[in-house]
Protein backbone atom coordinates (compact mmCIF):
# COMPACT_ATOMS: atom_id res chain seq x y z
CA MET A 1 134.31 84.43 74.19
CA LEU A 2 130.99 83.62 76.49
CA ILE A 3 130.21 80.57 74.94
CA ARG A 4 133.94 79.04 75.68
CA SER A 5 133.76 80.20 79.29
CA ARG A 6 130.16 78.61 79.61
CA THR A 7 131.30 75.40 77.66
CA PHE A 8 134.41 75.33 80.25
CA LEU A 9 132.15 75.71 83.01
CA PHE A 10 129.92 72.71 81.88
CA ILE A 11 133.11 70.47 81.03
CA ALA A 12 134.07 70.84 84.50
CA ILE A 13 130.75 70.27 85.92
CA CYS A 14 130.45 67.37 83.63
CA ALA A 15 134.20 65.95 84.82
CA MET A 16 132.84 66.56 88.36
CA SER A 17 129.50 65.16 88.22
CA GLY A 18 129.90 61.88 85.85
CA CYS A 19 126.89 63.19 83.66
CA SER A 20 128.07 61.55 80.65
CA ARG A 21 126.48 58.70 78.85
CA GLY A 22 129.65 57.67 76.59
CA ILE A 23 130.38 54.31 74.96
CA GLY A 24 133.48 54.16 75.84
CA PRO A 25 137.29 55.58 75.49
CA VAL A 26 138.53 58.04 73.20
CA SER A 27 141.48 56.56 70.83
CA ALA A 28 144.39 58.40 69.54
CA GLY A 29 144.57 60.37 66.64
CA LYS A 30 141.35 62.49 67.02
CA THR A 31 141.25 65.19 64.81
CA HIS A 32 139.55 68.79 65.62
CA LYS A 33 137.66 70.75 63.19
CA PRO A 34 136.65 74.42 63.38
CA SER A 35 133.81 75.43 65.39
CA PRO A 36 131.10 77.26 63.53
CA PHE A 37 130.29 78.81 67.24
CA GLN A 38 133.44 80.31 67.74
CA GLU A 39 132.10 83.75 67.65
CA VAL A 40 128.58 83.01 68.66
CA ASN A 41 127.17 84.27 72.03
CA SER A 42 124.80 82.44 73.98
CA ARG A 43 122.22 84.98 74.64
CA PRO A 44 118.39 84.17 74.55
CA GLU A 45 117.88 86.86 71.74
CA ASP A 46 120.33 85.49 69.68
CA ILE A 47 118.63 81.96 68.97
CA THR A 48 115.33 82.56 66.34
CA VAL A 49 113.55 79.28 66.45
CA LEU A 50 112.59 78.18 62.57
CA SER A 51 111.07 75.01 63.23
CA GLY A 52 110.74 71.93 65.95
CA THR A 53 114.42 71.03 64.91
CA THR A 54 115.83 73.69 63.25
CA PHE A 55 116.66 77.42 64.27
CA ARG A 56 119.70 79.70 63.84
CA TRP A 57 122.11 80.80 66.38
CA GLY A 58 123.45 84.49 66.12
CA GLN A 59 124.16 83.74 62.03
CA VAL A 60 124.78 79.70 61.98
CA ASN A 61 121.89 77.70 60.86
CA CYS A 62 121.25 74.89 62.59
CA GLN A 63 119.66 71.15 62.88
CA LEU A 64 119.29 69.22 65.78
CA LEU A 65 121.08 65.63 64.99
CA GLY A 66 119.37 62.29 64.77
CA VAL A 67 115.98 63.90 64.43
CA LYS A 68 113.73 65.27 61.83
CA GLU A 69 109.89 66.59 62.07
CA LYS A 70 106.87 64.53 61.62
CA ASP A 71 104.68 64.80 58.10
CA ASP A 72 101.68 65.96 60.26
CA PRO A 73 101.31 69.83 60.48
CA ALA A 74 99.87 69.76 64.08
CA ASP A 75 102.65 67.77 65.01
CA ARG A 76 105.09 70.30 63.40
CA LYS A 77 103.44 73.01 65.12
CA GLN A 78 103.58 70.79 68.61
CA ALA A 79 107.45 70.37 67.95
CA GLU A 80 108.11 73.74 67.24
CA GLU A 81 106.27 75.23 70.14
CA PHE A 82 108.17 72.41 72.43
CA THR A 83 111.37 74.12 71.31
CA ARG A 84 110.26 77.90 72.03
CA ALA A 85 109.52 76.71 75.39
CA TRP A 86 112.67 74.59 75.61
CA PHE A 87 114.66 77.41 74.52
CA LYS A 88 112.83 79.92 76.98
CA SER A 89 113.30 77.90 79.80
CA ILE A 90 117.08 77.31 79.18
CA GLY A 91 117.96 80.87 78.31
CA LYS A 92 121.37 81.33 77.84
CA LEU A 93 122.50 78.31 79.51
CA ILE A 94 123.17 75.92 76.34
CA ALA A 95 126.38 74.60 74.69
CA VAL A 96 127.09 72.50 71.20
CA TYR A 97 127.53 69.20 72.87
CA ASN A 98 129.00 67.88 69.68
CA GLU A 99 131.62 70.46 69.46
CA THR A 100 134.47 68.27 69.57
CA ASN A 101 133.54 67.16 65.91
CA PRO A 102 131.49 69.68 64.45
CA LEU A 103 129.24 68.50 62.15
CA VAL A 104 128.21 70.97 59.08
CA THR A 105 126.41 70.14 56.09
CA ASP A 106 127.52 71.48 52.10
CA ASP A 107 124.98 74.27 52.82
CA GLY A 108 126.64 75.64 55.79
CA THR A 109 124.00 74.38 58.38
CA ALA A 110 125.19 73.03 61.74
CA ILE A 111 124.54 69.52 62.71
CA VAL A 112 124.27 70.26 66.50
CA TRP A 113 123.54 68.11 69.69
CA ILE A 114 122.19 70.94 71.97
CA ARG A 115 121.90 70.62 75.81
CA GLY A 116 120.84 73.02 78.34
CA TYR A 117 122.57 73.85 81.96
CA ASP A 118 119.20 72.95 83.70
CA CYS A 119 119.16 70.49 86.36
CA TYR A 120 118.74 67.72 83.97
CA LEU A 121 121.49 68.32 81.36
CA SER A 122 118.30 68.60 79.31
CA CYS A 123 119.19 67.53 75.43
CA LEU A 124 116.85 69.04 72.79
CA SER A 125 116.72 66.14 70.25
CA GLU A 126 116.31 63.97 73.23
CA GLU A 127 113.35 65.36 74.70
CA LEU A 128 111.85 66.39 71.12
CA VAL A 129 111.97 62.11 70.81
CA ARG A 130 110.80 61.54 74.33
CA ALA A 131 107.68 64.02 73.82
CA GLY A 132 106.41 62.08 70.48
CA LEU A 133 107.16 65.11 69.19
CA VAL A 134 109.88 64.26 66.44
CA GLU A 135 110.99 61.29 64.66
CA ILE A 136 114.53 59.81 65.20
CA ASP A 137 116.55 60.07 61.43
CA ASP A 138 120.03 59.13 62.53
CA SER A 139 120.69 57.50 58.66
CA PRO A 140 122.67 60.50 56.96
CA TRP A 141 124.86 60.58 59.96
CA GLU A 142 125.43 56.70 60.75
CA ASN A 143 129.04 56.79 61.16
CA TYR A 144 129.16 59.96 62.70
CA THR A 145 130.74 60.33 66.38
CA TYR A 146 131.91 62.92 69.19
CA THR A 147 132.91 63.23 72.39
CA VAL A 148 132.43 64.10 75.85
CA PRO A 149 133.97 65.11 78.95
CA THR A 150 134.16 62.43 81.86
CA LYS A 151 135.76 61.88 84.82
CA PRO A 152 138.79 60.01 83.53
CA GLY A 153 139.07 61.96 80.28
CA GLU A 154 136.65 61.60 77.17
CA GLU A 155 134.20 58.78 75.77
CA PHE A 156 132.77 58.45 72.57
CA GLU A 157 128.39 59.71 73.16
CA ASP A 158 126.24 57.10 72.36
CA TRP A 159 123.74 59.91 70.65
CA ARG A 160 121.64 57.18 68.81
CA GLY A 161 121.21 54.85 72.00
CA ILE A 162 120.11 58.29 73.87
CA LEU A 163 117.64 58.71 71.29
CA ARG A 164 116.24 54.98 70.81
CA LYS A 165 116.29 54.96 75.20
CA ALA A 166 113.82 58.48 74.36
CA LYS A 167 111.51 56.81 72.06
CA GLU A 168 111.18 53.93 74.58
CA GLY A 169 110.16 56.20 77.33
CA HIS A 170 107.92 57.82 75.31
CA LYS A 171 105.60 54.67 74.75
CA PRO A 172 104.86 54.30 78.73
CA GLY A 173 105.03 58.05 78.95
CA GLU A 174 108.24 58.48 81.17
CA LYS A 175 108.30 61.96 82.65
CA LEU A 176 110.29 64.41 80.49
CA ARG A 177 112.95 66.22 81.63
CA VAL A 178 112.17 69.95 81.20
CA LEU A 179 111.75 72.72 82.95
CA PHE A 180 108.26 73.73 82.12
CA GLU A 181 104.96 71.76 81.80
CA TRP A 182 104.07 69.78 78.65
CA PRO A 183 101.29 69.61 77.01
CA PRO A 184 100.65 73.38 78.13
CA LYS A 185 97.41 73.49 79.41
């Protein structure tokens, strides 16, 4: 119930502020799959970071959409530290943004586009890419889409474009959209 009320609040905020970066109106015939997060609360103690791109939310194993760990162990460690700091800074103000079309692997892992209700509406996948800590890996989900709320209704989210822009932003050292200092001093 907590996640649904927060999701509603997030949708209302987005609808009023126009925060969507969608790529066009939604066509008719959309199907809804059950969400693996229906019984999950958004308490910080319910989230266990497993790596820079994976975590457990309650009893649900999660993998971030569109990204993968780098091969270098030092980069992997930094990505994990970043992910821990991101969740800590967000607290319980998080949402699965791709819940309109849940993506779950055969082993039950939820593939998620996770956003925080901070002043940036930051996205963990996006900021990990902007920080240069992970690699973009969208090939397993190249035909995957989901919708986001907008003022006029819903639009498809261009999550691949968001990741590409974050990667371009990393090159000139674009400021991260997070509420903590990175890299830590």
